[in-house]
Amino acid sequence: MHTITLKLVTIVTERILEDRLTRTLDELGAKGYTLTQATGKGSRGVRASEWEGPDTRIETLVSPEVADRLVAHIAERYFEHYAVIVYVQDADVVRGDKYV
């Protein structure tokens, strides 16, 4: 089985940023993403507002260059004013050519 090593970028953020961040993924070179609802507790406490809804978890498989651009963009524009966390992991991907 042949794999390619890509970066799995995971973003957990307030739902209000979902559309902005998915557009950013497209603009910066991601070929796709997965969205899931997320709940939990972090440095800003438990987010339990019915009005805001659950947080969003966005995952995308990208090249190291795209991962760097995504992390820099999100850090620059959102870290100061929103509840958002980003982490990057290596991922050995089957059919990885679909993502680069």
Protein backbone atom coordinates (compact mmCIF):
# COMPACT_ATOMS: atom_id res chain seq x y z
CA MET A 1 0.00 0.00 0.00
CA HIS A 2 1.43 3.35 -1.07
CA THR A 3 0.92 6.39 1.16
CA ILE A 4 1.96 10.02 1.02
CA THR A 5 2.66 12.08 4.13
CA LEU A 6 0.48 15.18 4.31
CA LYS A 7 -0.51 17.55 7.09
CA LEU A 8 -3.81 17.12 8.90
CA VAL A 9 -4.86 20.61 9.97
CA THR A 10 -7.57 20.66 12.63
CA ILE A 11 -9.35 23.88 13.52
CA VAL A 12 -11.80 24.07 16.42
CA THR A 13 -13.62 27.37 16.55
CA GLU A 14 -16.78 29.29 17.17
CA ARG A 15 -19.48 28.50 14.64
CA ILE A 16 -19.60 32.12 13.52
CA LEU A 17 -16.25 31.61 11.74
CA GLU A 18 -17.28 28.48 9.83
CA ASP A 19 -18.10 30.16 6.50
CA ARG A 20 -15.09 32.49 6.63
CA LEU A 21 -12.69 29.68 7.40
CA THR A 22 -14.04 27.29 4.78
CA ARG A 23 -13.66 30.05 2.16
CA THR A 24 -10.11 30.61 3.40
CA LEU A 25 -9.35 26.90 3.02
CA ASP A 26 -10.46 27.06 -0.61
CA GLU A 27 -8.53 30.28 -1.27
CA LEU A 28 -5.29 29.01 0.26
CA GLY A 29 -5.24 25.70 -1.59
CA ALA A 30 -7.10 23.02 0.38
CA LYS A 31 -8.90 20.56 -1.90
CA GLY A 32 -11.59 19.76 0.66
CA TYR A 33 -12.47 19.61 4.33
CA THR A 34 -14.66 17.88 6.87
CA LEU A 35 -16.93 19.78 9.26
CA THR A 36 -18.27 18.38 12.51
CA GLN A 37 -19.97 19.89 15.53
CA ALA A 38 -17.79 20.15 18.61
CA THR A 39 -18.44 20.77 22.27
CA GLY A 40 -16.05 20.93 25.15
CA LYS A 41 -14.17 23.11 27.60
CA GLY A 42 -11.09 25.21 27.06
CA SER A 43 -9.30 28.28 28.33
CA ARG A 44 -12.44 30.34 27.77
CA GLY A 45 -14.62 27.91 29.73
CA VAL A 46 -17.53 25.79 28.57
CA ARG A 47 -19.39 27.07 25.52
CA ALA A 48 -22.99 26.18 26.11
CA SER A 49 -24.99 28.99 24.52
CA GLU A 50 -28.05 27.87 22.58
CA TRP A 51 -27.87 31.10 20.58
CA GLU A 52 -24.31 30.49 19.37
CA GLY A 53 -24.79 26.77 18.89
CA PRO A 54 -22.02 24.20 19.11
CA ASP A 55 -18.50 24.95 18.01
CA THR A 56 -17.19 23.73 14.67
CA ARG A 57 -14.32 21.34 14.04
CA ILE A 58 -12.79 21.66 10.59
CA GLU A 59 -10.28 19.12 9.32
CA THR A 60 -8.34 19.22 6.08
CA LEU A 61 -5.47 17.25 4.53
CA VAL A 62 -2.98 19.51 2.79
CA SER A 63 0.65 19.88 1.77
CA PRO A 64 3.09 21.31 4.33
CA GLU A 65 3.14 24.61 2.43
CA VAL A 66 -0.63 24.99 2.50
CA ALA A 67 -0.68 24.03 6.19
CA ASP A 68 1.83 26.79 6.97
CA ARG A 69 -0.24 29.37 5.06
CA LEU A 70 -3.45 28.30 6.82
CA VAL A 71 -1.96 28.43 10.31
CA ALA A 72 -0.36 31.84 9.69
CA HIS A 73 -3.60 33.28 8.27
CA ILE A 74 -5.75 32.01 11.14
CA ALA A 75 -3.26 33.10 13.80
CA GLU A 76 -3.00 36.59 12.35
CA ARG A 77 -6.71 37.22 11.86
CA TYR A 78 -8.56 35.25 14.53
CA PHE A 79 -6.52 34.22 17.58
CA GLU A 80 -6.85 37.53 19.38
CA HIS A 81 -10.61 37.94 19.13
CA TYR A 82 -12.16 34.48 18.82
CA ALA A 83 -12.13 31.13 20.58
CA VAL A 84 -10.09 29.16 18.05
CA ILE A 85 -7.41 26.51 18.23
CA VAL A 86 -5.40 25.03 15.38
CA TYR A 87 -3.17 22.00 15.45
CA VAL A 88 -1.23 20.22 12.75
CA GLN A 89 -0.24 16.55 12.59
CA ASP A 90 1.53 14.38 10.05
CA ALA A 91 -0.86 11.98 8.34
CA ASP A 92 0.12 9.06 6.10
CA VAL A 93 -2.65 9.14 3.51
CA VAL A 94 -3.71 6.48 1.02
CA ARG A 95 -4.60 8.15 -2.31
CA GLY A 96 -2.91 11.28 -1.01
CA ASP A 97 -2.52 12.63 -4.55
CA LYS A 98 -6.19 13.72 -4.29
CA TYR A 99 -5.20 16.33 -1.70
CA VAL A 100 -2.23 18.09 -3.30
